[in-house]
N, C-alpha and C. Protein backbone atom coordinates (compact mmCIF):
# COMPACT_ATOMS: atom_id res chain seq x y z
N UNK A 1 5.86 39.93 -64.01
CA UNK A 1 5.58 39.63 -64.65
C UNK A 1 7.18 39.69 -65.46
N UNK A 2 7.37 38.05 -66.02
CA UNK A 2 8.78 38.09 -67.16
C UNK A 2 8.16 38.29 -69.22
N UNK A 3 8.45 38.26 -69.36
CA UNK A 3 8.23 38.28 -71.23
C UNK A 3 9.84 37.35 -72.00
N UNK A 4 9.92 36.97 -72.63
CA UNK A 4 10.55 36.49 -73.67
C UNK A 4 10.36 37.03 -74.59
N UNK A 5 11.35 36.89 -75.56
CA UNK A 5 11.45 36.97 -76.79
C UNK A 5 12.29 36.73 -77.75
N UNK A 6 12.06 35.70 -78.55
CA UNK A 6 12.80 34.84 -79.78
C UNK A 6 12.68 35.63 -80.88
N UNK A 7 13.24 35.49 -81.85
CA UNK A 7 13.96 35.55 -82.76
C UNK A 7 15.25 35.28 -83.38
N UNK A 8 15.51 35.17 -84.63
CA UNK A 8 16.82 34.01 -85.30
C UNK A 8 15.87 32.52 -86.13
N UNK A 9 14.72 32.66 -86.08
CA UNK A 9 14.21 31.21 -87.36
C UNK A 9 14.31 32.15 -88.62
N UNK A 10 14.20 30.98 -89.37
CA UNK A 10 14.02 31.01 -90.38
C UNK A 10 13.65 29.72 -91.25
N UNK A 11 14.05 29.81 -92.50
CA UNK A 11 14.41 28.84 -93.68
C UNK A 11 15.96 28.17 -94.27
N UNK A 12 16.32 26.98 -94.08
CA UNK A 12 17.85 26.85 -94.28
C UNK A 12 17.29 25.31 -94.95
N UNK A 13 18.63 25.49 -95.60
CA UNK A 13 18.76 23.76 -96.14
C UNK A 13 19.48 23.19 -94.85
N UNK A 14 19.25 22.11 -95.30
CA UNK A 14 20.15 20.52 -95.00
C UNK A 14 21.15 20.78 -94.38
N UNK A 15 21.92 20.37 -92.89
CA UNK A 15 23.19 20.77 -93.08
C UNK A 15 23.39 22.20 -92.70
N UNK A 16 22.37 23.30 -92.63
CA UNK A 16 23.00 24.58 -92.51
C UNK A 16 22.84 24.76 -90.98
N UNK A 17 23.08 25.84 -90.37
CA UNK A 17 23.26 26.23 -88.70
C UNK A 17 21.93 27.64 -89.09
N UNK A 18 21.78 27.94 -88.19
CA UNK A 18 20.99 29.03 -87.25
C UNK A 18 21.05 28.97 -85.66
N UNK A 19 20.94 30.63 -85.21
CA UNK A 19 21.00 30.53 -84.09
C UNK A 19 19.40 31.25 -83.71
N UNK A 20 19.31 30.40 -82.63
CA UNK A 20 17.76 31.62 -81.82
C UNK A 20 18.63 32.24 -80.47
N UNK A 21 18.03 32.81 -80.25
CA UNK A 21 17.58 34.32 -78.93
C UNK A 21 16.75 34.59 -78.74
N UNK A 22 17.01 34.24 -77.34
CA UNK A 22 15.76 34.52 -76.59
C UNK A 22 16.55 35.45 -75.42
N UNK A 23 15.72 37.08 -75.79
CA UNK A 23 15.47 37.88 -74.55
C UNK A 23 14.60 38.04 -73.62
N UNK A 24 14.88 38.41 -72.20
CA UNK A 24 13.88 37.91 -71.12
C UNK A 24 13.95 39.98 -70.97
N UNK A 25 13.00 40.12 -70.30
CA UNK A 25 12.43 41.23 -69.57
C UNK A 25 12.55 41.55 -68.11
N UNK A 26 13.79 41.84 -67.73
CA UNK A 26 13.82 41.92 -66.54
C UNK A 26 15.81 40.98 -66.67
N UNK A 27 16.26 41.18 -65.24
CA UNK A 27 17.37 40.54 -65.06
C UNK A 27 17.45 39.13 -64.46
N UNK A 28 16.53 38.65 -65.15
CA UNK A 28 16.00 36.85 -64.49
C UNK A 28 16.97 35.69 -65.13
N UNK A 29 17.70 35.25 -65.95
CA UNK A 29 18.67 34.73 -66.08
C UNK A 29 19.30 34.14 -65.10
N UNK A 30 19.48 34.58 -63.94
CA UNK A 30 20.10 33.85 -62.47
C UNK A 30 19.74 33.10 -61.54
N UNK A 31 17.99 33.16 -61.73
CA UNK A 31 17.54 32.83 -61.13
C UNK A 31 16.19 31.08 -61.86
N UNK A 32 16.45 31.51 -62.96
CA UNK A 32 15.37 30.50 -64.11
C UNK A 32 16.27 29.70 -64.37
N UNK A 33 16.07 28.22 -64.47
CA UNK A 33 16.28 27.33 -65.07
C UNK A 33 15.54 27.88 -66.72
N UNK A 34 16.17 28.12 -67.67
CA UNK A 34 16.05 28.37 -69.02
C UNK A 34 16.25 27.47 -70.04
N UNK A 35 15.37 27.23 -71.09
CA UNK A 35 15.14 26.28 -72.04
C UNK A 35 14.52 26.73 -73.40
N UNK A 36 15.06 25.84 -74.30
CA UNK A 36 14.27 25.58 -75.86
C UNK A 36 13.36 24.72 -75.98
N UNK A 37 12.28 24.46 -75.78
CA UNK A 37 11.08 23.99 -76.48
C UNK A 37 11.03 23.65 -77.79
N UNK A 38 10.74 22.39 -78.57
CA UNK A 38 10.12 22.36 -80.00
C UNK A 38 8.66 21.79 -80.06
N UNK A 39 7.78 22.08 -81.11
CA UNK A 39 6.62 22.02 -81.28
C UNK A 39 6.89 22.01 -83.04
N UNK A 40 6.68 20.20 -83.53
CA UNK A 40 6.23 20.63 -84.81
C UNK A 40 4.68 20.15 -84.92
N UNK A 41 3.90 20.16 -86.50
CA UNK A 41 2.95 19.82 -86.41
C UNK A 41 2.46 18.85 -85.93
N UNK A 42 1.49 18.61 -85.52
CA UNK A 42 0.82 17.67 -85.19
C UNK A 42 1.47 16.98 -84.28
N UNK A 43 2.46 17.05 -83.20
CA UNK A 43 3.82 16.06 -82.10
C UNK A 43 3.14 17.29 -81.35
N UNK A 44 3.56 16.57 -79.80
CA UNK A 44 3.74 17.92 -78.76
C UNK A 44 5.50 18.29 -79.03
N UNK A 45 4.61 19.11 -77.38
CA UNK A 45 5.60 20.10 -77.05
C UNK A 45 7.03 19.21 -76.44
N UNK A 46 7.66 19.10 -77.24
CA UNK A 46 9.19 18.38 -76.23
C UNK A 46 10.57 19.43 -75.92
N UNK A 47 11.11 19.37 -75.31
CA UNK A 47 12.66 19.28 -74.02
C UNK A 47 13.55 20.10 -75.30
N UNK A 48 14.20 20.92 -76.10
CA UNK A 48 15.23 20.75 -77.03
C UNK A 48 16.55 20.66 -75.68
N UNK A 49 16.26 21.74 -75.77
CA UNK A 49 18.16 22.11 -74.46
C UNK A 49 17.39 22.38 -72.92
N UNK A 50 18.02 22.35 -71.93
CA UNK A 50 18.23 23.19 -70.96
C UNK A 50 18.97 23.89 -70.11
N UNK A 51 19.15 25.45 -69.79
CA UNK A 51 20.22 25.55 -68.99
C UNK A 51 20.57 26.24 -67.76
N UNK A 52 20.71 25.18 -66.60
CA UNK A 52 20.41 25.52 -64.75
C UNK A 52 20.81 26.89 -64.43
N UNK A 53 20.87 27.34 -63.67
CA UNK A 53 21.29 28.52 -63.21
C UNK A 53 22.93 28.63 -62.74
N UNK A 54 23.51 26.50 -62.17
CA UNK A 54 24.44 26.86 -61.96
C UNK A 54 25.38 26.06 -63.39
N UNK A 55 24.55 26.51 -64.54
CA UNK A 55 25.67 26.62 -65.89
C UNK A 55 25.63 24.70 -66.50
N UNK A 56 25.40 23.86 -65.67
CA UNK A 56 24.80 22.37 -66.28
C UNK A 56 23.65 22.79 -67.28
N UNK A 57 24.23 21.90 -68.20
CA UNK A 57 23.17 22.02 -68.92
C UNK A 57 22.95 20.12 -69.82
N UNK A 58 21.74 19.93 -70.54
CA UNK A 58 21.00 19.04 -70.35
C UNK A 58 21.00 18.86 -72.18
N UNK A 59 20.37 18.15 -73.05
CA UNK A 59 20.10 17.47 -74.36
C UNK A 59 18.96 16.92 -74.87
N UNK A 60 18.18 17.29 -75.59
CA UNK A 60 17.73 15.81 -76.05
C UNK A 60 18.53 14.69 -76.51
N UNK A 61 17.87 13.35 -76.48
CA UNK A 61 18.53 12.93 -77.72
C UNK A 61 19.27 12.77 -78.65
N UNK A 62 18.47 13.41 -79.62
CA UNK A 62 18.19 13.81 -81.36
C UNK A 62 18.98 14.86 -81.79
N UNK A 63 19.43 15.48 -80.77
CA UNK A 63 20.49 17.11 -80.54
C UNK A 63 21.01 17.37 -80.24
N UNK A 64 21.72 16.27 -79.32
CA UNK A 64 23.14 16.52 -78.44
C UNK A 64 23.89 16.27 -80.29
N UNK A 65 25.04 16.78 -79.53
CA UNK A 65 26.27 17.12 -80.87
C UNK A 65 25.83 17.58 -81.49
N UNK A 66 24.65 18.27 -81.96
CA UNK A 66 24.30 19.24 -83.00
C UNK A 66 24.21 20.62 -82.66
N UNK A 67 23.55 20.96 -81.50
CA UNK A 67 22.86 21.99 -80.85
C UNK A 67 23.59 22.20 -79.65
N UNK A 68 23.49 23.77 -79.55
CA UNK A 68 24.37 24.13 -77.54
C UNK A 68 23.26 25.22 -77.61
N UNK A 69 22.63 25.04 -76.26
CA UNK A 69 22.35 26.35 -75.23
C UNK A 69 23.37 27.28 -74.91
N UNK A 70 23.03 27.90 -73.91
CA UNK A 70 23.52 28.68 -73.82
C UNK A 70 23.43 29.90 -72.70
N UNK A 71 23.81 30.57 -72.46
CA UNK A 71 23.52 31.95 -71.29
C UNK A 71 24.36 33.37 -71.29
N UNK A 72 23.68 34.41 -71.61
CA UNK A 72 24.50 35.91 -71.58
C UNK A 72 23.95 36.02 -70.03
N UNK A 73 23.58 36.18 -69.17
CA UNK A 73 23.90 36.14 -67.82
C UNK A 73 23.64 38.14 -67.97
N UNK A 74 24.15 38.37 -68.40
CA UNK A 74 24.60 40.25 -68.86
C UNK A 74 23.18 40.81 -69.78
N UNK A 75 23.48 39.95 -70.69
CA UNK A 75 22.82 40.58 -71.36
C UNK A 75 21.50 40.08 -71.72
N UNK A 76 20.61 38.90 -70.51
CA UNK A 76 19.37 38.79 -70.36
C UNK A 76 18.93 38.22 -71.84
N UNK A 77 20.52 37.22 -71.89
CA UNK A 77 19.88 36.82 -73.27
C UNK A 77 20.36 35.22 -73.01
N UNK A 78 19.24 34.49 -73.91
CA UNK A 78 20.21 33.01 -74.12
C UNK A 78 19.43 32.02 -75.32
N UNK A 79 20.55 31.62 -75.67
CA UNK A 79 20.99 31.29 -77.52
C UNK A 79 20.48 29.85 -77.19
N UNK A 80 20.37 29.26 -78.32
CA UNK A 80 20.04 27.98 -79.21
C UNK A 80 21.39 27.98 -80.17
N UNK A 81 22.71 27.62 -80.75
CA UNK A 81 22.94 27.17 -81.80
C UNK A 81 22.80 26.10 -82.22
N UNK A 82 22.36 25.77 -83.53
CA UNK A 82 21.45 24.12 -84.21
C UNK A 82 22.88 24.41 -85.45
N UNK A 83 23.73 23.44 -85.33
CA UNK A 83 24.05 23.09 -86.00
C UNK A 83 24.27 21.36 -87.22
N UNK A 84 24.24 21.34 -88.70
CA UNK A 84 24.23 20.20 -89.10
C UNK A 84 22.85 20.13 -88.65
N UNK A 85 21.80 21.01 -89.20
CA UNK A 85 19.80 20.75 -89.07
C UNK A 85 19.38 20.00 -90.32
N UNK A 86 18.17 19.37 -89.63
CA UNK A 86 17.49 17.86 -90.48
C UNK A 86 16.87 19.06 -91.03
N UNK A 87 16.52 18.22 -91.33
CA UNK A 87 14.50 18.26 -91.72
C UNK A 87 13.55 17.81 -91.14
N UNK A 88 13.58 17.01 -90.06
CA UNK A 88 12.96 16.56 -88.70
C UNK A 88 13.54 17.74 -87.89
N UNK A 89 14.41 18.90 -87.84
CA UNK A 89 13.79 20.07 -86.69
C UNK A 89 13.36 21.15 -86.81
N UNK A 90 12.69 20.64 -88.41
CA UNK A 90 11.79 21.61 -88.40
C UNK A 90 10.10 21.71 -87.63
N UNK A 91 9.92 22.93 -86.62
CA UNK A 91 9.27 22.76 -85.76
C UNK A 91 9.24 24.36 -85.23
N UNK A 92 8.24 25.04 -84.70
CA UNK A 92 8.23 26.39 -83.30
C UNK A 92 8.92 26.51 -82.13
N UNK A 93 10.30 27.26 -82.75
CA UNK A 93 11.05 26.68 -81.62
C UNK A 93 10.61 27.66 -79.84
N UNK A 94 10.43 27.35 -78.86
CA UNK A 94 10.14 28.23 -77.91
C UNK A 94 11.23 27.99 -76.98
N UNK A 95 11.26 29.31 -76.92
CA UNK A 95 11.65 29.55 -75.40
C UNK A 95 10.89 29.77 -74.11
N UNK A 96 11.67 29.36 -72.88
CA UNK A 96 11.01 28.84 -70.82
C UNK A 96 11.79 29.79 -70.81
N UNK A 97 11.24 29.91 -69.39
CA UNK A 97 12.18 30.70 -67.56
C UNK A 97 10.84 29.68 -67.01
N UNK A 98 11.92 29.06 -66.48
CA UNK A 98 11.48 28.42 -64.84
C UNK A 98 11.79 28.01 -64.17
N UNK A 99 10.73 28.32 -63.00
CA UNK A 99 11.69 28.47 -61.32
C UNK A 99 10.77 27.34 -60.14
N UNK A 100 11.46 27.19 -59.64
CA UNK A 100 10.39 26.63 -57.94
C UNK A 100 11.11 27.61 -56.49
N UNK A 101 10.03 28.31 -56.15
CA UNK A 101 10.45 29.22 -55.69
C UNK A 101 9.78 29.11 -54.29
N UNK A 102 9.54 29.29 -52.68
CA UNK A 102 8.84 29.62 -51.91
C UNK A 102 7.09 28.65 -51.90
N UNK A 103 7.80 27.02 -52.67
CA UNK A 103 6.49 26.61 -53.29
C UNK A 103 5.64 26.90 -54.10
N UNK A 104 5.96 27.98 -54.62
CA UNK A 104 5.58 28.44 -55.99
C UNK A 104 6.53 27.98 -57.42
N UNK A 105 5.16 27.93 -58.25
CA UNK A 105 5.88 27.46 -59.72
C UNK A 105 6.07 28.38 -60.75
N UNK A 106 7.27 29.46 -61.51
CA UNK A 106 7.64 30.36 -62.26
C UNK A 106 7.69 29.97 -63.59
N UNK A 107 6.44 29.97 -64.43
CA UNK A 107 7.22 29.31 -66.23
C UNK A 107 6.32 30.52 -66.26
N UNK A 108 7.22 30.92 -67.55
CA UNK A 108 7.09 31.26 -68.29
C UNK A 108 7.44 31.09 -70.39
N UNK A 109 6.62 31.51 -71.28
CA UNK A 109 7.13 30.57 -72.50
C UNK A 109 7.42 32.39 -73.32
N UNK A 110 8.19 31.54 -74.69
CA UNK A 110 7.87 32.84 -75.39
C UNK A 110 6.98 32.79 -76.73
N UNK A 111 6.73 33.81 -77.28
CA UNK A 111 5.57 33.03 -78.37
C UNK A 111 6.26 32.07 -79.62
N UNK A 112 7.44 32.20 -79.74
CA UNK A 112 7.70 31.08 -80.55
C UNK A 112 8.38 31.60 -82.26
N UNK A 113 9.59 30.57 -82.54
CA UNK A 113 10.03 31.27 -83.90
C UNK A 113 10.17 30.30 -84.40
N UNK A 114 9.55 30.08 -85.75
CA UNK A 114 9.89 28.69 -86.79
C UNK A 114 11.33 28.61 -87.10
N UNK A 115 10.96 27.80 -87.30
CA UNK A 115 12.65 27.17 -88.18
C UNK A 115 12.19 26.00 -88.91
N UNK A 116 12.55 26.23 -90.33
CA UNK A 116 12.01 25.28 -91.46
C UNK A 116 12.81 24.98 -92.23
N UNK A 117 13.40 22.98 -92.10
CA UNK A 117 14.71 22.27 -92.54
C UNK A 117 14.41 22.18 -94.04
N UNK A 118 14.77 21.94 -94.77
CA UNK A 118 14.41 21.80 -96.05
C UNK A 118 15.81 20.51 -96.64
N UNK A 119 15.08 19.23 -97.86
CA UNK A 119 15.86 19.03 -97.94
C UNK A 119 16.69 19.23 -99.27
């Protein structure tokens, strides 16, 4: 069983920055696509950024140029650097680990960390 623990959320003014961290139990980053999702009140959970095992990344259009996902496999940690934050970035941010292997899907979530951006 994989456990993911997020940290780094908080309250920040618009234009500010935060860095979220997600520490995974065990050395899984070499095998899983790691992603950050967010869910704002009354909205569906959406993908913010993802990083594959091969090093490719992709971002939601709304965060391109402002957010950066990175992974440190040695530390079993994935980061989300968030700059130029906007009030619409306010949400609970979740870390996700996803893998398809031998016909099975492995999908794990962290507990979430709140990010609040004030105007």
